Amino acid sequence: MKHYLKAFLSLTILGLVASTSSFSATFSEEQLANSFSLGEVDKKPDPISQPQPVITDELRNQKGKVYVAFIVNKKGKVEQLRCIKSDSPKLRTAVLDVVEKWKFKPAEKGDNKVAVRVVLPIRVDFS
């Protein structure tokens, strides 16, 4: 189980840096107008708290990938969280439950804290 958790955290951090803009249609026009892409900010959001997933008997031996989209707001909280694509409904629920609790040091543009859009692929391996 520890191997999975390390991979979960490292992929999360890498995903923030390498988030793709190909899913920008995931966000509404209002969300696009009120936030920045990762490429537009001077400092990307920095994870400060990422609670670990609880691996229940129902989730044991589940593997797959879940793509999530969310906004890290000016206070570093996750909002507008949604699943874009998932290999499994069980994994989808587990990942969404965890990601909504994540906290970040907010992104910055110049001297201002700003909201930023994130699209993140999360590889899950509960085996």
C-alpha atoms as a PDB file:
ATOM      1  CA  MET A   1       0.000   0.000   0.000  1.00  0.00           C
ATOM      2  CA  LYS A   2       2.822   2.453   0.725  1.00  0.00           C
ATOM      3  CA  HIS A   3       4.095   2.106  -2.843  1.00  0.00           C
ATOM      4  CA  TYR A   4       0.745   3.270  -4.157  1.00  0.00           C
ATOM      5  CA  LEU A   5       0.586   6.261  -1.854  1.00  0.00           C
ATOM      6  CA  LYS A   6       4.012   7.490  -2.925  1.00  0.00           C
ATOM      7  CA  ALA A   7       3.017   7.169  -6.557  1.00  0.00           C
ATOM      8  CA  PHE A   8      -0.272   8.953  -5.842  1.00  0.00           C
ATOM      9  CA  LEU A   9       1.479  11.953  -4.324  1.00  0.00           C
ATOM     10  CA  SER A  10       4.269  12.183  -6.873  1.00  0.00           C
ATOM     11  CA  LEU A  11       1.854  11.920  -9.796  1.00  0.00           C
ATOM     12  CA  THR A  12      -0.252  14.615  -8.236  1.00  0.00           C
ATOM     13  CA  ILE A  13       2.653  16.999  -8.003  1.00  0.00           C
ATOM     14  CA  LEU A  14       3.862  16.152 -11.519  1.00  0.00           C
ATOM     15  CA  GLY A  15       0.327  16.466 -12.823  1.00  0.00           C
ATOM     16  CA  LEU A  16       0.064  20.012 -11.541  1.00  0.00           C
ATOM     17  CA  VAL A  17       3.175  20.986 -13.402  1.00  0.00           C
ATOM     18  CA  ALA A  18       2.293  19.112 -16.584  1.00  0.00           C
ATOM     19  CA  SER A  19      -1.442  19.678 -16.648  1.00  0.00           C
ATOM     20  CA  THR A  20      -2.696  19.841 -20.199  1.00  0.00           C
ATOM     21  CA  SER A  21      -4.866  22.530 -21.665  1.00  0.00           C
ATOM     22  CA  SER A  22      -6.563  20.041 -23.985  1.00  0.00           C
ATOM     23  CA  PHE A  23      -9.353  19.672 -21.441  1.00  0.00           C
ATOM     24  CA  SER A  24     -10.041  23.417 -21.193  1.00  0.00           C
ATOM     25  CA  ALA A  25     -13.530  22.789 -22.590  1.00  0.00           C
ATOM     26  CA  THR A  26     -14.153  21.158 -19.220  1.00  0.00           C
ATOM     27  CA  PHE A  27     -14.457  24.594 -17.648  1.00  0.00           C
ATOM     28  CA  SER A  28     -17.349  27.000 -18.145  1.00  0.00           C
ATOM     29  CA  GLU A  29     -16.846  30.388 -19.768  1.00  0.00           C
ATOM     30  CA  GLU A  30     -17.232  32.019 -16.357  1.00  0.00           C
ATOM     31  CA  GLN A  31     -14.608  29.736 -14.811  1.00  0.00           C
ATOM     32  CA  LEU A  32     -12.237  30.437 -17.710  1.00  0.00           C
ATOM     33  CA  ALA A  33     -12.751  34.182 -17.278  1.00  0.00           C
ATOM     34  CA  ASN A  34     -12.181  34.079 -13.508  1.00  0.00           C
ATOM     35  CA  SER A  35      -9.086  31.875 -13.406  1.00  0.00           C
ATOM     36  CA  PHE A  36      -5.763  31.276 -15.099  1.00  0.00           C
ATOM     37  CA  SER A  37      -4.192  28.257 -16.751  1.00  0.00           C
ATOM     38  CA  LEU A  38      -1.020  26.879 -15.190  1.00  0.00           C
ATOM     39  CA  GLY A  39       1.016  28.331 -18.051  1.00  0.00           C
ATOM     40  CA  GLU A  40      -0.212  31.846 -17.323  1.00  0.00           C
ATOM     41  CA  VAL A  41       0.912  32.074 -13.686  1.00  0.00           C
ATOM     42  CA  ASP A  42       4.302  32.980 -12.248  1.00  0.00           C
ATOM     43  CA  LYS A  43       4.043  30.498  -9.367  1.00  0.00           C
ATOM     44  CA  LYS A  44       2.028  27.299  -9.641  1.00  0.00           C
ATOM     45  CA  PRO A  45      -0.097  26.099  -6.717  1.00  0.00           C
ATOM     46  CA  ASP A  46       2.017  24.105  -4.287  1.00  0.00           C
ATOM     47  CA  PRO A  47       0.410  21.148  -2.461  1.00  0.00           C
ATOM     48  CA  ILE A  48       0.485  21.595   1.319  1.00  0.00           C
ATOM     49  CA  SER A  49      -2.072  19.001   2.408  1.00  0.00           C
ATOM     50  CA  GLN A  50      -3.115  15.908   0.492  1.00  0.00           C
ATOM     51  CA  PRO A  51      -4.987  13.459   2.699  1.00  0.00           C
ATOM     52  CA  GLN A  52      -4.467   9.844   1.756  1.00  0.00           C
ATOM     53  CA  PRO A  53      -7.231   7.717   0.273  1.00  0.00           C
ATOM     54  CA  VAL A  54      -8.880   5.117   2.465  1.00  0.00           C
ATOM     55  CA  ILE A  55      -8.538   1.726   0.820  1.00  0.00           C
ATOM     56  CA  THR A  56     -11.669  -0.195   1.692  1.00  0.00           C
ATOM     57  CA  ASP A  57     -12.278  -3.873   0.932  1.00  0.00           C
ATOM     58  CA  GLU A  58     -14.445  -2.751  -1.977  1.00  0.00           C
ATOM     59  CA  LEU A  59     -11.489  -0.834  -3.469  1.00  0.00           C
ATOM     60  CA  ARG A  60      -8.812  -3.427  -2.862  1.00  0.00           C
ATOM     61  CA  ASN A  61      -7.203  -4.673  -6.102  1.00  0.00           C
ATOM     62  CA  GLN A  62      -8.711  -1.825  -8.145  1.00  0.00           C
ATOM     63  CA  LYS A  63      -6.460  -0.228 -10.777  1.00  0.00           C
ATOM     64  CA  GLY A  64      -7.020   2.478 -13.321  1.00  0.00           C
ATOM     65  CA  LYS A  65      -6.788   6.134 -14.178  1.00  0.00           C
ATOM     66  CA  VAL A  66      -9.083   8.964 -13.179  1.00  0.00           C
ATOM     67  CA  TYR A  67      -8.912  12.385 -14.825  1.00  0.00           C
ATOM     68  CA  VAL A  68     -10.117  15.219 -12.630  1.00  0.00           C
ATOM     69  CA  ALA A  69     -10.550  18.912 -13.264  1.00  0.00           C
ATOM     70  CA  PHE A  70     -10.776  21.570 -10.588  1.00  0.00           C
ATOM     71  CA  ILE A  71      -9.878  25.095  -9.673  1.00  0.00           C
ATOM     72  CA  VAL A  72      -7.447  25.953  -6.902  1.00  0.00           C
ATOM     73  CA  ASN A  73      -8.917  29.199  -5.625  1.00  0.00           C
ATOM     74  CA  LYS A  74      -7.090  32.251  -4.219  1.00  0.00           C
ATOM     75  CA  LYS A  75      -7.149  30.667  -0.765  1.00  0.00           C
ATOM     76  CA  GLY A  76      -5.647  27.377  -1.977  1.00  0.00           C
ATOM     77  CA  LYS A  77      -8.843  25.364  -1.702  1.00  0.00           C
ATOM     78  CA  VAL A  78     -10.176  22.997  -4.350  1.00  0.00           C
ATOM     79  CA  GLU A  79     -13.448  24.051  -5.918  1.00  0.00           C
ATOM     80  CA  GLN A  80     -15.524  23.095  -8.950  1.00  0.00           C
ATOM     81  CA  LEU A  81     -14.102  19.550  -8.723  1.00  0.00           C
ATOM     82  CA  ARG A  82     -15.360  17.068 -11.284  1.00  0.00           C
ATOM     83  CA  CYS A  83     -14.329  13.868 -12.969  1.00  0.00           C
ATOM     84  CA  ILE A  84     -13.635  14.122 -16.685  1.00  0.00           C
ATOM     85  CA  LYS A  85     -12.977  10.454 -17.309  1.00  0.00           C
ATOM     86  CA  SER A  86     -12.585   7.346 -15.169  1.00  0.00           C
ATOM     87  CA  ASP A  87     -11.807   3.677 -15.716  1.00  0.00           C
ATOM     88  CA  SER A  88     -14.102   2.728 -12.828  1.00  0.00           C
ATOM     89  CA  PRO A  89     -17.011   4.300 -10.906  1.00  0.00           C
ATOM     90  CA  LYS A  90     -15.489   3.016  -7.642  1.00  0.00           C
ATOM     91  CA  LEU A  91     -12.161   4.676  -8.354  1.00  0.00           C
ATOM     92  CA  ARG A  92     -13.933   7.836  -9.456  1.00  0.00           C
ATOM     93  CA  THR A  93     -15.687   8.175  -6.114  1.00  0.00           C
ATOM     94  CA  ALA A  94     -12.543   7.392  -4.091  1.00  0.00           C
ATOM     95  CA  VAL A  95     -10.434   9.933  -5.984  1.00  0.00           C
ATOM     96  CA  LEU A  96     -13.060  12.698  -5.840  1.00  0.00           C
ATOM     97  CA  ASP A  97     -13.497  12.144  -2.094  1.00  0.00           C
ATOM     98  CA  VAL A  98      -9.767  12.654  -1.550  1.00  0.00           C
ATOM     99  CA  VAL A  99      -9.074  15.479  -3.990  1.00  0.00           C
ATOM    100  CA  GLU A 100     -11.826  17.676  -2.555  1.00  0.00           C
ATOM    101  CA  LYS A 101      -9.849  17.739   0.736  1.00  0.00           C
ATOM    102  CA  TRP A 102      -6.543  18.828  -0.807  1.00  0.00           C
ATOM    103  CA  LYS A 103      -5.104  22.221   0.114  1.00  0.00           C
ATOM    104  CA  PHE A 104      -2.507  24.250  -1.744  1.00  0.00           C
ATOM    105  CA  LYS A 105      -0.388  27.322  -1.429  1.00  0.00           C
ATOM    106  CA  PRO A 106      -2.240  29.462  -4.007  1.00  0.00           C
ATOM    107  CA  ALA A 107      -0.889  30.239  -7.450  1.00  0.00           C
ATOM    108  CA  GLU A 108       0.526  33.704  -8.009  1.00  0.00           C
ATOM    109  CA  LYS A 109       0.631  36.091 -10.921  1.00  0.00           C
ATOM    110  CA  GLY A 110       2.869  39.017 -10.109  1.00  0.00           C
ATOM    111  CA  ASP A 111       2.307  39.764  -6.429  1.00  0.00           C
ATOM    112  CA  ASN A 112      -1.306  38.572  -6.470  1.00  0.00           C
ATOM    113  CA  LYS A 113      -2.769  35.241  -5.446  1.00  0.00           C
ATOM    114  CA  VAL A 114      -4.941  33.934  -8.257  1.00  0.00           C
ATOM    115  CA  ALA A 115      -7.304  31.078  -9.021  1.00  0.00           C
ATOM    116  CA  VAL A 116      -5.878  28.487 -11.393  1.00  0.00           C
ATOM    117  CA  ARG A 117      -7.416  25.683 -13.467  1.00  0.00           C
ATOM    118  CA  VAL A 118      -6.008  22.188 -13.058  1.00  0.00           C
ATOM    119  CA  VAL A 119      -6.600  19.042 -15.090  1.00  0.00           C
ATOM    120  CA  LEU A 120      -4.957  16.100 -13.447  1.00  0.00           C
ATOM    121  CA  PRO A 121      -4.590  12.451 -14.461  1.00  0.00           C
ATOM    122  CA  ILE A 122      -4.353  10.251 -11.381  1.00  0.00           C
ATOM    123  CA  ARG A 123      -3.133   6.683 -11.753  1.00  0.00           C
ATOM    124  CA  VAL A 124      -4.617   4.442  -9.081  1.00  0.00           C
ATOM    125  CA  ASP A 125      -3.282   1.044  -8.025  1.00  0.00           C
ATOM    126  CA  PHE A 126      -4.842  -0.447  -4.903  1.00  0.00           C
ATOM    127  CA  SER A 127      -3.363  -3.912  -5.474  1.00  0.00           C
END
